[in-house]
Amino acid sequence: MKTLKYILLSCVVLGAVACDDFLVETPDTSVEKSGVYNSLSSAKAALAGCYGNMAGYNGYAFNYFHVLSVTSGMGVSIKANDVNLTTMNILPSDVNMTNAYNGMYETVRIANDIIDGMKSSTISVESEKNRITGEAHFIRGLTYFNLVRLFGKVSLVTQPVLDYNEAQAPRADVSAVYTLIINDLKAAYGMLPLPADKVEGHPHRYAAQALLAKVYLTLAGNTEGSEYWQKAYDAAKDVYDHGEYKLVRPYAKLFGSANKNNAESIFEIQFASAVNSGRLTETTFPVGHELMSNIATEGKSWGKTRPSQCAFDQFDEGDPRREASFVYGRYTNIFIADAKKKNILLYPTTKKAGTSGTGDNKLVYKQGDSEYPAWKKYYDPMMTASASNANFVYYRYADLLMVLAEAANEIGSSDAAGYLNEVLDRARDADGNGVIDPATEVYPLAVSPEEEADKALFRERIFRERLKELTGECDEWYTIRRRGTEYLRKIMEEHNTQVEAWYAAQKLDPANVKFVYTYKITDETVKKNLLMPFPADEIIRNENISQEEQNYGY
């Protein structure tokens, strides 16, 4: 009998799966599959394994986060081996991208097994059976939502794969993938508990409805009059009206290891340094930054995944989100004892201004590191080694409010500006007391009467506010591409203009500055970067996928 090898659960967390069999269950005689799903504790362990895989290195702990951040148009890598990612010249053989793809399909594999196994489960607690099955549907729908947006047509695998031939699934039409996503999220909505009965760190039914709203928003694309605008509005409004989430004040209290699973969180990937390896702090903070005072050795922070200069410059100086989102200007490296060398220059301090200072204001220029700010959202002061306790927030209420505002604008509803203003009002509230001081709490500005009255102006404002509000949260990749080539081209052009102007003002050629790049912008390069390349390893492995099916331009 084919059975689930639950020794594999410990391997799942580590992502230890070969690329040619990550969908195939392994035969074993130790524990029969039916027995696993007839035990509540074992079924919970299977679900924990699914979450563990999502939190693995190939998932949100590093590869998913790094690839989406660096290739978004608002991020960079300061490592030489990532030049193709940073310049949006992604290779089908890219290791990080391929590992992220494989990691998502391993999550699908485990979710499929849970859904299938729970169908015949004899667990007597019906609410727990429903919760476990509902969470598996939620995870599978979420994962396919990522896959279809990143790669377009993908293999649609919905049952446990028991042999090699079953693993040779062809790429399915995008419409078929979205049908599964919608069905999974509707199933999750019907099975997940009410908010009062949820388990901390796990989704309840309104998380499924909130994600469904975002799916509909994505399906609406850039099409005025699409039926999906109304569907997005209705789903998001349902979540809004039930009032289960709220905006956290101030904005700075949203992030870092001390603020996990707060009232604004819809769904987070859980990290704890004792049990898994969340690398987001390590990959976003500059080496030896003083905020990470418990790091034991200098090698435990890379600082390679960084926001672009444009990502920082989009903020008004008085916008509290800038301070909460970035480390910038300078920092002190705690591993350098020499007072003359420990203060490191960061963007937007110029090399000339920083290195010509005196005393503590004399800064050291560090090639690559000094060209960019860094994201601050994954701050973990208790981190001692590589693993971090800071969660990855996949979806939060401010995002849902902007989904609602955008959909409302497209259907001509008069409440659109109100939803966006809720987000802007919270952002403006620097001290978090709920009262806006007009003298000191000015930015971001509220929606103007002109923006409220003009659908196109409001559409642009929503686009810009999404990029600011959700900077460093992997939403940029999707937001910039969701409406097509016009929006992606605009971001690529703004990046190039900013880089050229910044270095021209310093009488430098950006081509001669390490880890600074401009994009090659043609109709072909813009169009091809709407999707990732389909992984070359999968084309080689899968007999039903050919090179002729490779995504446009790759």
Protein backbone atom coordinates (compact mmCIF):
# COMPACT_ATOMS: atom_id res chain seq x y z
CA MET A 1 0.00 0.00 0.00
CA LYS A 2 1.19 3.51 -0.78
CA THR A 3 1.52 5.34 2.52
CA LEU A 4 2.74 8.72 3.63
CA LYS A 5 6.20 8.68 5.03
CA TYR A 6 5.86 10.99 7.98
CA ILE A 7 9.54 10.91 8.67
CA LEU A 8 9.39 13.34 5.76
CA LEU A 9 7.74 15.99 7.92
CA SER A 10 11.03 16.84 9.57
CA CYS A 11 12.61 17.07 6.14
CA VAL A 12 9.85 19.34 4.90
CA VAL A 13 10.93 22.08 7.26
CA LEU A 14 14.40 21.91 5.81
CA GLY A 15 13.12 21.78 2.24
CA ALA A 16 15.18 18.65 1.62
CA VAL A 17 13.45 17.46 -1.55
CA ALA A 18 14.98 16.44 -4.88
CA CYS A 19 13.69 18.43 -7.86
CA ASP A 20 12.56 15.31 -9.72
CA ASP A 21 10.33 13.86 -7.00
CA PHE A 22 9.03 16.70 -4.87
CA LEU A 23 5.43 15.82 -5.79
CA VAL A 24 5.72 12.09 -5.26
CA GLU A 25 4.85 10.41 -1.97
CA THR A 26 7.39 7.93 -0.67
CA PRO A 27 6.26 4.36 0.14
CA ASP A 28 6.85 3.25 3.69
CA THR A 29 5.43 0.51 5.88
CA SER A 30 5.77 2.30 9.21
CA VAL A 31 2.60 4.43 9.30
CA GLU A 32 -0.34 4.02 6.97
CA LYS A 33 -1.84 7.20 5.60
CA SER A 34 -5.32 6.41 6.89
CA GLY A 35 -3.90 5.99 10.36
CA VAL A 36 -2.25 9.39 10.21
CA TYR A 37 -5.51 11.17 9.44
CA ASN A 38 -7.52 9.20 11.98
CA SER A 39 -5.42 10.71 14.75
CA LEU A 40 -6.02 14.35 15.61
CA SER A 41 -2.46 14.84 16.85
CA SER A 42 -0.99 13.28 13.68
CA ALA A 43 -3.27 15.32 11.42
CA LYS A 44 -2.16 18.46 13.24
CA ALA A 45 1.45 17.37 12.73
CA ALA A 46 0.82 17.04 9.01
CA LEU A 47 -0.60 20.57 8.90
CA ALA A 48 2.39 21.81 10.92
CA GLY A 49 4.62 20.19 8.31
CA CYS A 50 2.84 22.14 5.59
CA TYR A 51 3.41 25.40 7.43
CA GLY A 52 6.96 24.31 8.14
CA ASN A 53 7.62 23.94 4.44
CA MET A 54 6.25 27.42 3.75
CA ALA A 55 8.61 28.72 6.42
CA GLY A 56 11.58 26.87 4.92
CA TYR A 57 14.56 28.32 3.11
CA ASN A 58 13.02 27.73 -0.32
CA GLY A 59 9.86 29.47 0.86
CA TYR A 60 9.28 32.66 2.80
CA ALA A 61 12.41 32.26 4.93
CA PHE A 62 14.55 33.35 2.01
CA ASN A 63 14.11 32.35 -1.65
CA TYR A 64 10.53 33.53 -2.20
CA PHE A 65 11.22 36.79 -0.39
CA HIS A 66 14.58 37.43 -2.04
CA VAL A 67 13.53 36.67 -5.61
CA LEU A 68 10.32 38.73 -5.48
CA SER A 69 12.00 41.66 -3.75
CA VAL A 70 15.02 41.85 -6.04
CA THR A 71 13.10 41.44 -9.32
CA SER A 72 10.12 43.63 -8.42
CA GLY A 73 11.45 46.89 -9.88
CA MET A 74 11.75 48.36 -6.37
CA GLY A 75 14.53 46.18 -4.98
CA VAL A 76 18.13 45.15 -5.57
CA SER A 77 20.73 42.63 -4.46
CA ILE A 78 24.23 43.70 -3.48
CA LYS A 79 25.72 40.32 -4.34
CA ALA A 80 27.45 39.81 -7.69
CA ASN A 81 25.82 36.44 -8.34
CA ASP A 82 22.39 38.12 -8.37
CA VAL A 83 23.09 40.53 -11.22
CA ASN A 84 20.58 38.81 -13.52
CA LEU A 85 17.86 39.09 -10.90
CA THR A 86 18.60 42.72 -10.12
CA THR A 87 18.66 43.79 -13.76
CA MET A 88 15.44 41.89 -14.61
CA ASN A 89 17.38 39.63 -16.94
CA ILE A 90 16.31 36.50 -15.09
CA LEU A 91 17.64 33.20 -16.38
CA PRO A 92 15.42 30.08 -16.56
CA SER A 93 18.24 28.29 -14.74
CA ASP A 94 18.37 30.76 -11.83
CA VAL A 95 18.83 28.71 -8.66
CA ASN A 96 16.94 30.96 -6.25
CA MET A 97 13.94 31.25 -8.57
CA THR A 98 13.92 27.49 -9.22
CA ASN A 99 14.14 26.71 -5.51
CA ALA A 100 11.23 29.05 -4.77
CA TYR A 101 9.17 27.26 -7.45
CA ASN A 102 10.05 23.84 -6.03
CA GLY A 103 9.28 25.03 -2.52
CA MET A 104 5.78 26.10 -3.55
CA TYR A 105 5.06 22.75 -5.17
CA GLU A 106 6.26 20.92 -2.09
CA THR A 107 3.69 22.97 -0.14
CA VAL A 108 1.04 21.95 -2.69
CA ARG A 109 2.06 18.30 -2.29
CA ILE A 110 1.55 18.34 1.46
CA ALA A 111 -1.71 20.29 1.23
CA ASN A 112 -3.04 17.79 -1.33
CA ASP A 113 -2.24 14.91 0.98
CA ILE A 114 -4.00 16.56 3.92
CA ILE A 115 -7.12 17.34 1.87
CA ASP A 116 -7.24 13.79 0.50
CA GLY A 117 -6.48 12.13 3.83
CA MET A 118 -9.09 14.09 5.77
CA LYS A 119 -11.89 12.96 3.43
CA SER A 120 -11.95 9.53 5.10
CA SER A 121 -10.77 10.63 8.53
CA THR A 122 -12.55 9.17 11.56
CA ILE A 123 -11.52 12.05 13.84
CA SER A 124 -14.59 12.66 16.01
CA VAL A 125 -14.14 16.39 16.61
CA GLU A 126 -15.86 17.79 13.55
CA SER A 127 -14.69 21.36 14.12
CA GLU A 128 -11.06 20.23 14.14
CA LYS A 129 -11.53 18.11 11.01
CA ASN A 130 -13.00 21.13 9.26
CA ARG A 131 -10.29 23.48 10.50
CA ILE A 132 -7.42 21.26 9.36
CA THR A 133 -9.03 20.63 5.96
CA GLY A 134 -9.95 24.30 5.58
CA GLU A 135 -6.42 25.43 6.33
CA ALA A 136 -5.06 23.00 3.74
CA HIS A 137 -7.45 24.44 1.14
CA PHE A 138 -6.43 27.97 2.16
CA ILE A 139 -2.72 27.14 1.85
CA ARG A 140 -3.16 25.41 -1.51
CA GLY A 141 -5.23 28.28 -2.90
CA LEU A 142 -2.72 30.85 -1.65
CA THR A 143 0.22 28.90 -3.10
CA TYR A 144 -1.36 28.49 -6.52
CA PHE A 145 -2.23 32.20 -6.43
CA ASN A 146 1.48 32.91 -6.08
CA LEU A 147 2.44 30.39 -8.76
CA VAL A 148 -0.01 31.59 -11.42
CA ARG A 149 0.93 35.24 -10.94
CA LEU A 150 4.64 34.48 -11.10
CA PHE A 151 4.75 31.86 -13.88
CA GLY A 152 1.42 32.01 -15.72
CA LYS A 153 0.44 28.52 -16.83
CA VAL A 154 1.54 25.96 -14.24
CA SER A 155 0.95 22.27 -13.56
CA LEU A 156 -2.35 21.79 -11.79
CA VAL A 157 -1.85 19.01 -9.25
CA THR A 158 -4.77 18.47 -6.90
CA GLN A 159 -4.37 14.87 -5.70
CA PRO A 160 -1.54 12.96 -4.00
CA VAL A 161 0.92 11.88 -6.70
CA LEU A 162 1.82 8.24 -6.25
CA ASP A 163 4.17 7.51 -9.13
CA TYR A 164 6.48 9.10 -11.66
CA ASN A 165 3.93 9.24 -14.47
CA GLU A 166 1.43 11.12 -12.35
CA ALA A 167 4.12 13.73 -11.64
CA GLN A 168 4.36 14.58 -15.35
CA ALA A 169 1.52 17.12 -15.23
CA PRO A 170 1.34 19.56 -18.18
CA ARG A 171 0.97 23.30 -17.71
CA ALA A 172 -2.71 24.15 -17.25
CA ASP A 173 -4.48 27.21 -18.62
CA VAL A 174 -4.40 30.20 -16.32
CA SER A 175 -8.21 30.18 -16.13
CA ALA A 176 -8.18 26.61 -14.80
CA VAL A 177 -5.66 27.54 -12.11
CA TYR A 178 -7.81 30.47 -11.00
CA THR A 179 -10.87 28.22 -10.88
CA LEU A 180 -9.03 25.98 -8.40
CA ILE A 181 -7.86 28.98 -6.36
CA ILE A 182 -11.38 30.37 -6.07
CA ASN A 183 -12.84 26.97 -5.21
CA ASP A 184 -10.15 26.37 -2.58
CA LEU A 185 -10.76 29.72 -0.91
CA LYS A 186 -14.52 29.24 -0.95
CA ALA A 187 -14.02 25.79 0.60
CA ALA A 188 -11.72 27.32 3.21
CA TYR A 189 -14.29 30.00 4.02
CA GLY A 190 -16.88 27.30 4.71
CA MET A 191 -14.56 25.20 6.88
CA LEU A 192 -12.35 27.61 8.79
CA PRO A 193 -13.47 28.70 12.26
CA LEU A 194 -15.02 31.99 13.20
CA PRO A 195 -12.53 34.53 14.53
CA ALA A 196 -13.45 33.80 18.14
CA ASP A 197 -12.46 30.15 17.72
CA LYS A 198 -9.27 30.54 15.65
CA VAL A 199 -5.86 29.28 16.74
CA GLU A 200 -3.31 32.08 17.05
CA GLY A 201 -1.14 32.32 13.96
CA HIS A 202 -3.68 30.39 11.87
CA PRO A 203 -6.26 31.85 9.47
CA HIS A 204 -9.97 32.12 10.24
CA ARG A 205 -12.74 32.26 7.64
CA TYR A 206 -12.40 35.98 6.92
CA ALA A 207 -8.77 35.45 5.93
CA ALA A 208 -10.07 33.25 3.10
CA GLN A 209 -12.63 35.89 2.11
CA ALA A 210 -9.97 38.62 2.19
CA LEU A 211 -7.64 36.60 -0.04
CA LEU A 212 -10.53 35.86 -2.39
CA ALA A 213 -11.06 39.62 -2.76
CA LYS A 214 -7.44 40.00 -3.82
CA VAL A 215 -7.80 37.13 -6.30
CA TYR A 216 -10.78 38.86 -7.90
CA LEU A 217 -8.87 42.16 -8.00
CA THR A 218 -6.05 40.41 -9.85
CA LEU A 219 -8.47 38.82 -12.32
CA ALA A 220 -9.92 42.26 -13.08
CA GLY A 221 -6.47 43.26 -14.36
CA ASN A 222 -6.60 46.57 -16.16
CA THR A 223 -10.05 46.01 -17.67
CA GLU A 224 -12.62 48.70 -16.98
CA GLY A 225 -16.04 47.19 -16.51
CA SER A 226 -14.73 43.74 -15.58
CA GLU A 227 -17.19 41.72 -13.49
CA TYR A 228 -14.32 40.98 -11.13
CA TRP A 229 -14.19 44.55 -9.81
CA GLN A 230 -17.63 44.06 -8.28
CA LYS A 231 -16.69 40.63 -6.96
CA ALA A 232 -13.54 42.06 -5.38
CA TYR A 233 -15.57 44.85 -3.81
CA ASP A 234 -18.23 42.50 -2.44
CA ALA A 235 -15.73 40.08 -0.90
CA ALA A 236 -13.60 42.85 0.61
CA LYS A 237 -16.66 44.71 1.89
CA ASP A 238 -17.85 41.52 3.60
CA VAL A 239 -14.57 41.37 5.52
CA TYR A 240 -14.75 45.09 6.28
CA ASP A 241 -18.31 44.95 7.56
CA HIS A 242 -17.60 42.08 9.93
CA GLY A 243 -14.89 44.19 11.62
CA GLU A 244 -12.56 41.38 12.64
CA TYR A 245 -9.37 43.26 11.75
CA LYS A 246 -8.20 46.74 12.60
CA LEU A 247 -5.33 49.05 11.72
CA VAL A 248 -2.49 49.07 14.23
CA ARG A 249 -1.32 52.51 15.39
CA PRO A 250 1.29 53.78 14.91
CA TYR A 251 2.52 52.20 11.70
CA ALA A 252 5.89 51.41 13.33
CA LYS A 253 4.17 49.00 15.75
CA LEU A 254 3.29 46.66 12.88
CA PHE A 255 6.67 45.11 12.31
CA GLY A 256 9.50 43.17 13.88
CA SER A 257 9.64 40.23 16.24
CA ALA A 258 7.84 42.10 19.02
CA ASN A 259 4.68 42.73 16.96
CA LYS A 260 3.77 39.32 15.53
CA ASN A 261 0.16 38.29 14.85
CA ASN A 262 -1.28 41.68 15.73
CA ALA A 263 -4.81 42.95 15.12
CA GLU A 264 -4.00 44.00 11.55
CA SER A 265 -2.59 40.63 10.51
CA ILE A 266 -4.68 38.54 8.13
CA PHE A 267 -2.06 35.87 7.49
CA GLU A 268 1.58 35.56 8.57
CA ILE A 269 4.30 32.97 8.07
CA GLN A 270 5.41 32.09 11.58
CA PHE A 271 9.09 32.14 12.43
CA ALA A 272 10.79 31.17 15.68
CA SER A 273 14.55 30.89 15.86
CA ALA A 274 14.31 27.76 18.00
CA VAL A 275 12.43 25.68 15.41
CA ASN A 276 13.03 27.05 11.92
CA SER A 277 15.30 29.29 9.96
CA GLY A 278 13.70 32.61 9.10
CA ARG A 279 16.43 34.55 7.31
CA LEU A 280 14.58 37.80 6.64
CA THR A 281 16.43 39.76 9.32
CA GLU A 282 19.75 38.39 8.15
CA THR A 283 19.15 39.19 4.48
CA THR A 284 17.69 42.68 4.93
CA PHE A 285 19.82 44.29 7.65
CA PRO A 286 23.29 45.67 6.91
CA VAL A 287 26.19 43.70 8.35
CA GLY A 288 26.68 44.37 12.07
CA HIS A 289 23.90 46.98 12.36
CA GLU A 290 23.64 48.38 15.89
CA LEU A 291 19.95 47.43 16.19
CA MET A 292 21.00 43.78 16.03
CA SER A 293 23.10 43.99 19.17
CA ASN A 294 22.76 40.31 20.12
CA ILE A 295 24.23 38.88 16.92
CA ALA A 296 27.24 36.80 17.92
CA THR A 297 29.40 37.18 14.82
CA GLU A 298 29.62 39.56 11.89
CA GLY A 299 28.85 36.80 9.39
CA LYS A 300 25.31 36.42 10.73
CA SER A 301 23.92 39.32 8.71
CA TRP A 302 24.23 39.63 4.95
CA GLY A 303 22.16 42.69 4.11
CA LYS A 304 21.98 41.53 0.48
CA THR A 305 18.24 42.03 -0.23
CA ARG A 306 17.72 45.77 -0.36
CA PRO A 307 15.21 48.41 -1.46
CA SER A 308 16.14 50.44 -4.49
CA GLN A 309 16.84 54.13 -4.22
CA CYS A 310 13.42 54.77 -5.82
CA ALA A 311 11.71 52.69 -3.14
CA PHE A 312 13.08 55.10 -0.54
CA ASP A 313 12.65 58.30 -2.53
CA GLN A 314 8.94 57.72 -3.15
CA PHE A 315 8.20 58.75 0.43
CA ASP A 316 7.70 62.33 1.59
CA GLU A 317 10.30 63.21 4.20
CA GLY A 318 7.61 63.69 6.85
CA ASP A 319 5.85 60.38 6.16
CA PRO A 320 6.25 58.23 9.33
CA ARG A 321 6.26 55.12 7.16
CA ARG A 322 9.69 56.07 5.83
CA GLU A 323 11.23 56.01 9.29
CA ALA A 324 9.45 52.77 10.18
CA SER A 325 10.34 50.99 6.94
CA PHE A 326 14.00 51.84 6.35
CA VAL A 327 17.46 52.03 7.84
CA TYR A 328 19.08 54.90 5.95
CA GLY A 329 21.72 57.65 6.01
CA ARG A 330 24.20 55.83 8.23
CA TYR A 331 24.62 53.03 10.74
CA THR A 332 27.18 51.79 13.26
CA ASN A 333 28.79 48.38 12.77
CA ILE A 334 28.98 46.80 16.24
CA PHE A 335 31.84 44.51 15.20
CA ILE A 336 34.24 47.33 14.36
CA ALA A 337 36.08 48.75 17.34
CA ASP A 338 37.89 51.54 15.52
CA ALA A 339 35.81 54.71 16.02
CA LYS A 340 37.07 56.02 12.68
CA LYS A 341 35.78 53.00 10.75
CA LYS A 342 32.64 51.83 12.52
CA ASN A 343 30.17 54.41 11.18
CA ILE A 344 29.01 53.31 7.75
CA LEU A 345 27.45 55.48 5.07
CA LEU A 346 24.03 54.53 3.62
CA TYR A 347 21.82 56.10 0.99
CA PRO A 348 20.80 58.94 0.69
CA THR A 349 24.03 60.27 2.21
CA THR A 350 26.43 60.96 -0.66
CA LYS A 351 29.91 59.51 -0.64
CA LYS A 352 31.42 63.00 -0.63
CA ALA A 353 29.26 64.31 2.21
CA GLY A 354 29.75 61.23 4.39
CA THR A 355 33.47 60.71 4.02
CA SER A 356 34.30 64.40 4.48
CA GLY A 357 32.55 64.66 7.85
CA THR A 358 34.30 64.98 11.20
CA GLY A 359 34.01 63.04 14.45
CA ASP A 360 31.04 60.68 14.54
CA ASN A 361 29.82 62.27 11.33
CA LYS A 362 32.80 60.99 9.40
CA LEU A 363 31.39 57.96 7.62
CA VAL A 364 33.04 55.06 5.86
CA TYR A 365 31.94 54.34 2.31
CA LYS A 366 31.35 50.61 1.84
CA GLN A 367 31.13 49.53 -1.79
CA GLY A 368 27.66 48.31 -2.66
CA ASP A 369 26.30 48.57 0.88
CA SER A 370 26.45 52.37 0.87
CA GLU A 371 24.51 52.79 -2.39
CA TYR A 372 21.19 51.79 -0.87
CA PRO A 373 19.06 52.03 2.27
CA ALA A 374 17.88 48.81 3.95
CA TRP A 375 14.47 47.53 5.01
CA LYS A 376 13.77 47.76 8.72
CA LYS A 377 10.56 45.73 8.89
CA TYR A 378 12.21 42.45 9.91
CA TYR A 379 13.91 43.86 12.98
CA ASP A 380 14.65 41.23 15.64
CA PRO A 381 16.73 42.53 18.57
CA MET A 382 16.83 39.05 20.12
CA MET A 383 18.39 37.38 17.08
CA THR A 384 21.68 35.72 18.01
CA ALA A 385 22.52 33.65 14.93
CA SER A 386 21.08 33.25 11.43
CA ALA A 387 17.52 32.36 12.41
CA SER A 388 15.10 35.18 13.19
CA ASN A 389 11.89 35.44 15.17
CA ALA A 390 10.41 38.13 12.89
CA ASN A 391 7.41 36.84 10.94
CA PHE A 392 6.69 37.41 7.26
CA VAL A 393 3.33 39.19 6.92
CA TYR A 394 1.73 37.82 3.77
CA TYR A 395 -1.50 39.84 4.02
CA ARG A 396 -2.76 42.52 6.35
CA TYR A 397 -5.79 44.73 6.79
CA ALA A 398 -4.31 47.87 5.21
CA ASP A 399 -3.83 45.82 2.04
CA LEU A 400 -7.47 44.69 2.20
CA LEU A 401 -8.60 48.32 2.61
CA MET A 402 -6.66 49.28 -0.51
CA VAL A 403 -8.20 46.35 -2.40
CA LEU A 404 -11.60 47.65 -1.31
CA ALA A 405 -10.75 51.25 -2.27
CA GLU A 406 -9.44 50.25 -5.70
CA ALA A 407 -12.44 48.06 -6.48
CA ALA A 408 -14.83 50.75 -5.25
CA ASN A 409 -13.19 53.28 -7.56
CA GLU A 410 -13.54 50.99 -10.56
CA ILE A 411 -17.25 50.33 -9.98
CA GLY A 412 -17.95 54.01 -9.34
CA SER A 413 -18.80 53.64 -5.66
CA SER A 414 -18.63 56.86 -3.63
CA ASP A 415 -16.91 55.19 -0.66
CA ALA A 416 -13.56 54.59 -2.43
CA ALA A 417 -11.67 57.56 -0.96
CA GLY A 418 -12.86 56.77 2.55
CA TYR A 419 -11.19 53.36 2.61
CA LEU A 420 -7.88 54.71 1.34
CA ASN A 421 -8.05 57.62 3.77
CA GLU A 422 -8.29 55.15 6.65
CA VAL A 423 -4.89 53.80 5.59
CA LEU A 424 -3.43 57.27 5.08
CA ASP A 425 -4.80 58.57 8.36
CA ARG A 426 -3.17 55.74 10.28
CA ALA A 427 0.12 56.30 8.44
CA ARG A 428 0.01 60.01 9.34
CA ASP A 429 -0.59 59.25 13.04
CA ALA A 430 3.06 59.17 14.07
CA ASP A 431 2.45 58.84 17.81
CA GLY A 432 -0.44 56.42 17.43
CA ASN A 433 -2.82 58.32 19.69
CA GLY A 434 -5.63 58.37 17.13
CA VAL A 435 -5.63 62.15 16.88
CA ILE A 436 -3.95 63.87 13.93
CA ASP A 437 -1.99 67.02 14.80
CA PRO A 438 -2.29 69.21 11.67
CA ALA A 439 0.91 71.05 12.56
CA THR A 440 3.20 68.03 12.84
CA GLU A 441 1.38 65.04 11.33
CA VAL A 442 1.01 66.16 7.72
CA TYR A 443 2.17 63.30 5.51
CA PRO A 444 0.95 61.30 3.73
CA LEU A 445 -1.64 63.72 2.44
CA ALA A 446 -5.27 62.67 2.37
CA VAL A 447 -6.98 61.91 -0.94
CA SER A 448 -7.56 65.25 -2.68
CA PRO A 449 -10.95 66.32 -4.07
CA GLU A 450 -9.43 66.10 -7.56
CA GLU A 451 -8.30 62.51 -6.98
CA GLU A 452 -11.65 61.55 -5.49
CA ALA A 453 -13.52 62.95 -8.50
CA ASP A 454 -11.30 61.45 -11.21
CA LYS A 455 -11.15 57.67 -11.60
CA ALA A 456 -7.76 57.73 -13.36
CA LEU A 457 -6.17 60.02 -10.76
CA PHE A 458 -7.49 57.87 -7.90
CA ARG A 459 -6.25 54.72 -9.67
CA GLU A 460 -2.76 56.20 -9.81
CA ARG A 461 -2.91 57.28 -6.16
CA ILE A 462 -3.87 53.75 -5.10
CA PHE A 463 -0.99 52.33 -7.15
CA ARG A 464 1.49 54.66 -5.47
CA GLU A 465 0.15 54.12 -1.97
CA ARG A 466 0.34 50.34 -2.34
CA LEU A 467 4.03 50.64 -3.20
CA LYS A 468 4.65 52.79 -0.12
CA GLU A 469 2.43 51.13 2.45
CA LEU A 470 3.60 47.61 1.56
CA THR A 471 7.27 48.28 0.78
CA GLY A 472 9.45 45.27 1.56
CA GLU A 473 6.46 42.91 1.92
CA CYS A 474 6.70 41.24 -1.54
CA ASP A 475 3.53 42.92 -2.78
CA GLU A 476 5.46 45.27 -5.09
CA TRP A 477 6.19 42.52 -7.64
CA TYR A 478 2.50 41.79 -8.07
CA THR A 479 1.19 45.37 -7.87
CA ILE A 480 3.61 46.64 -10.52
CA ARG A 481 2.59 43.90 -12.98
CA ARG A 482 -1.09 43.40 -12.21
CA ARG A 483 -2.30 46.06 -14.67
CA GLY A 484 0.13 45.18 -17.44
CA THR A 485 3.11 46.58 -19.30
CA GLU A 486 2.25 50.28 -18.92
CA TYR A 487 2.75 50.16 -15.16
CA LEU A 488 5.86 47.98 -15.25
CA ARG A 489 7.47 50.19 -17.89
CA LYS A 490 6.72 53.27 -15.79
CA ILE A 491 8.53 51.82 -12.76
CA MET A 492 11.51 50.69 -14.86
CA GLU A 493 11.83 54.13 -16.43
CA GLU A 494 11.57 55.90 -13.07
CA HIS A 495 14.33 53.63 -11.72
CA ASN A 496 16.65 54.46 -14.61
CA THR A 497 15.94 58.20 -14.41
CA GLN A 498 16.60 58.29 -10.68
CA VAL A 499 19.86 56.33 -10.90
CA GLU A 500 21.19 58.49 -13.75
CA ALA A 501 20.25 61.75 -12.00
CA TRP A 502 21.65 60.69 -8.59
CA TYR A 503 25.07 59.80 -9.93
CA ALA A 504 25.22 62.65 -12.45
CA ALA A 505 24.79 65.05 -9.54
CA GLN A 506 27.86 63.43 -7.96
CA LYS A 507 29.74 63.49 -11.29
CA LEU A 508 29.82 59.69 -11.36
CA ASP A 509 28.96 57.19 -14.06
CA PRO A 510 26.56 54.62 -12.52
CA ALA A 511 28.03 51.99 -14.82
CA ASN A 512 31.24 52.28 -12.78
CA VAL A 513 29.56 51.96 -9.37
CA LYS A 514 29.41 48.44 -7.97
CA PHE A 515 25.94 46.87 -7.66
CA VAL A 516 24.21 49.80 -9.33
CA TYR A 517 22.30 48.93 -12.48
CA THR A 518 19.80 50.33 -14.92
CA TYR A 519 17.19 48.30 -16.76
CA LYS A 520 17.22 47.61 -20.47
CA ILE A 521 13.82 48.90 -21.53
CA THR A 522 12.25 47.75 -24.79
CA ASP A 523 8.77 46.48 -25.60
CA GLU A 524 10.17 42.94 -25.43
CA THR A 525 11.98 43.27 -22.09
CA VAL A 526 8.99 44.90 -20.45
CA LYS A 527 6.55 42.30 -21.74
CA LYS A 528 8.72 39.36 -20.78
CA ASN A 529 9.15 40.65 -17.22
CA LEU A 530 5.42 40.43 -16.58
CA LEU A 531 6.23 36.82 -15.68
CA MET A 532 9.20 34.88 -14.37
CA PRO A 533 10.85 32.42 -16.76
CA PHE A 534 9.48 28.92 -16.39
CA PRO A 535 12.22 26.97 -14.54
CA ALA A 536 14.55 25.12 -16.92
CA ASP A 537 14.86 22.25 -14.43
CA GLU A 538 11.11 21.65 -14.59
CA ILE A 539 11.14 21.61 -18.40
CA ILE A 540 13.95 19.02 -18.30
CA ARG A 541 12.22 16.95 -15.61
CA ASN A 542 8.65 17.03 -16.91
CA GLU A 543 8.03 15.03 -20.08
CA ASN A 544 4.80 16.96 -20.77
CA ILE A 545 6.38 20.43 -20.75
CA SER A 546 8.62 21.48 -23.65
CA GLN A 547 10.96 24.39 -24.27
CA GLU A 548 8.47 25.67 -26.85
CA GLU A 549 6.13 26.40 -23.94
CA GLN A 550 8.68 28.65 -22.21
CA ASN A 551 7.26 32.03 -21.16
CA TYR A 552 7.55 34.93 -23.60
CA GLY A 553 11.04 36.30 -24.14
CA TYR A 554 13.00 33.60 -22.27
